[in-house]
Amino acid sequence: MSAPLPGPLAGKRGLVVGIANDDSIAAGCARAFSAAGATRIQPRLVVES
């Protein structure tokens, strides 16, 4: 068997904002981009009090 072809977004990066929870549209877009081969970056939220 041959290896699967890379997705159309392989090697690409993007910024998805507005992810309020796992059911938000932005979260769904991020999952779709990741499934298409985009690099997933997990930012850290820093809250200062």
N, C-alpha and C. Protein backbone atom coordinates (compact mmCIF):
# COMPACT_ATOMS: atom_id res chain seq x y z
N MET A 1 0.84 -1.19 0.00
CA MET A 1 0.00 0.00 0.00
C MET A 1 0.88 1.24 0.00
N SER A 2 0.41 2.27 -0.66
CA SER A 2 1.17 3.52 -0.69
C SER A 2 0.75 4.41 0.48
N ALA A 3 1.62 5.33 0.81
CA ALA A 3 1.35 6.26 1.91
C ALA A 3 0.25 7.24 1.48
N PRO A 4 -0.58 7.69 2.42
CA PRO A 4 -1.63 8.65 2.06
C PRO A 4 -1.03 9.98 1.62
N LEU A 5 -1.69 10.64 0.70
CA LEU A 5 -1.23 11.94 0.24
C LEU A 5 -1.44 12.98 1.33
N PRO A 6 -0.55 13.98 1.40
CA PRO A 6 -0.74 15.02 2.40
C PRO A 6 -1.99 15.84 2.07
N GLY A 7 -2.60 16.39 3.11
CA GLY A 7 -3.81 17.19 2.92
C GLY A 7 -3.50 18.49 2.19
N PRO A 8 -4.53 19.18 1.72
CA PRO A 8 -4.34 20.42 0.97
C PRO A 8 -3.73 21.54 1.82
N LEU A 9 -3.77 21.41 3.12
CA LEU A 9 -3.19 22.44 3.99
C LEU A 9 -1.89 21.97 4.64
N ALA A 10 -1.30 20.90 4.14
CA ALA A 10 -0.06 20.38 4.72
C ALA A 10 1.02 21.45 4.68
N GLY A 11 1.66 21.65 5.81
CA GLY A 11 2.74 22.63 5.92
C GLY A 11 2.26 24.06 6.12
N LYS A 12 0.96 24.27 6.21
CA LYS A 12 0.41 25.62 6.39
C LYS A 12 0.06 25.84 7.85
N ARG A 13 0.07 27.12 8.25
CA ARG A 13 -0.32 27.51 9.59
C ARG A 13 -1.33 28.65 9.48
N GLY A 14 -2.21 28.73 10.45
CA GLY A 14 -3.19 29.81 10.46
C GLY A 14 -3.59 30.12 11.88
N LEU A 15 -4.30 31.20 12.04
CA LEU A 15 -4.75 31.62 13.36
C LEU A 15 -6.28 31.60 13.36
N VAL A 16 -6.85 30.82 14.26
CA VAL A 16 -8.30 30.77 14.43
C VAL A 16 -8.61 31.39 15.77
N VAL A 17 -9.40 32.45 15.77
CA VAL A 17 -9.76 33.12 17.03
C VAL A 17 -11.24 32.92 17.30
N GLY A 18 -11.64 33.12 18.52
CA GLY A 18 -13.04 33.03 18.88
C GLY A 18 -13.47 31.65 19.33
N ILE A 19 -12.52 30.84 19.79
CA ILE A 19 -12.87 29.51 20.26
C ILE A 19 -13.33 29.62 21.71
N ALA A 20 -14.64 29.71 21.90
CA ALA A 20 -15.19 29.85 23.24
C ALA A 20 -15.33 28.50 23.92
N ASN A 21 -15.67 27.46 23.14
CA ASN A 21 -15.80 26.12 23.69
C ASN A 21 -15.69 25.12 22.54
N ASP A 22 -15.79 23.84 22.85
CA ASP A 22 -15.61 22.80 21.83
C ASP A 22 -16.71 22.77 20.79
N ASP A 23 -17.85 23.43 21.07
CA ASP A 23 -18.98 23.43 20.14
C ASP A 23 -19.04 24.69 19.27
N SER A 24 -18.08 25.60 19.44
CA SER A 24 -18.12 26.85 18.68
C SER A 24 -17.74 26.61 17.21
N ILE A 25 -18.19 27.51 16.35
CA ILE A 25 -17.87 27.40 14.93
C ILE A 25 -16.35 27.46 14.73
N ALA A 26 -15.69 28.34 15.47
CA ALA A 26 -14.24 28.48 15.34
C ALA A 26 -13.52 27.18 15.71
N ALA A 27 -14.01 26.48 16.73
CA ALA A 27 -13.41 25.21 17.12
C ALA A 27 -13.58 24.18 16.01
N GLY A 28 -14.75 24.17 15.39
CA GLY A 28 -14.99 23.26 14.27
C GLY A 28 -14.08 23.57 13.09
N CYS A 29 -13.87 24.85 12.82
CA CYS A 29 -12.96 25.24 11.74
C CYS A 29 -11.54 24.78 12.05
N ALA A 30 -11.10 24.96 13.29
CA ALA A 30 -9.76 24.54 13.69
C ALA A 30 -9.59 23.03 13.51
N ARG A 31 -10.61 22.25 13.88
CA ARG A 31 -10.55 20.80 13.70
C ARG A 31 -10.48 20.44 12.22
N ALA A 32 -11.25 21.13 11.39
CA ALA A 32 -11.26 20.85 9.95
C ALA A 32 -9.90 21.20 9.33
N PHE A 33 -9.32 22.32 9.73
CA PHE A 33 -8.00 22.70 9.20
C PHE A 33 -6.95 21.67 9.60
N SER A 34 -7.02 21.21 10.84
CA SER A 34 -6.08 20.20 11.32
C SER A 34 -6.24 18.89 10.54
N ALA A 35 -7.49 18.51 10.28
CA ALA A 35 -7.76 17.28 9.52
C ALA A 35 -7.26 17.40 8.09
N ALA A 36 -7.19 18.63 7.57
CA ALA A 36 -6.73 18.86 6.20
C ALA A 36 -5.21 18.97 6.13
N GLY A 37 -4.54 18.82 7.28
CA GLY A 37 -3.08 18.79 7.27
C GLY A 37 -2.40 20.01 7.82
N ALA A 38 -3.14 21.02 8.25
CA ALA A 38 -2.51 22.23 8.78
C ALA A 38 -1.85 21.93 10.13
N THR A 39 -0.81 22.67 10.42
CA THR A 39 -0.12 22.53 11.70
C THR A 39 -0.98 23.15 12.79
N ARG A 40 -1.14 22.41 13.86
CA ARG A 40 -1.97 22.88 14.97
C ARG A 40 -1.08 23.50 16.03
N ILE A 41 -1.39 24.72 16.40
CA ILE A 41 -0.65 25.44 17.43
C ILE A 41 -1.61 25.65 18.60
N GLN A 42 -1.19 25.25 19.77
CA GLN A 42 -2.03 25.37 20.96
C GLN A 42 -1.50 26.55 21.78
N PRO A 43 -2.15 27.73 21.70
CA PRO A 43 -1.68 28.87 22.49
C PRO A 43 -2.00 28.69 23.97
N ARG A 44 -1.22 29.36 24.79
CA ARG A 44 -1.47 29.33 26.23
C ARG A 44 -2.17 30.62 26.62
N LEU A 45 -3.21 30.51 27.39
CA LEU A 45 -3.93 31.67 27.89
C LEU A 45 -3.30 32.10 29.20
N VAL A 46 -2.83 33.33 29.25
CA VAL A 46 -2.22 33.86 30.47
C VAL A 46 -3.16 34.89 31.05
N VAL A 47 -3.59 34.67 32.27
CA VAL A 47 -4.49 35.60 32.95
C VAL A 47 -3.77 36.14 34.17
N GLU A 48 -3.64 37.45 34.21
CA GLU A 48 -3.01 38.07 35.37
C GLU A 48 -4.08 38.69 36.24
N SER A 49 -3.95 38.52 37.54
CA SER A 49 -4.96 39.12 38.43
C SER A 49 -4.44 40.33 39.16
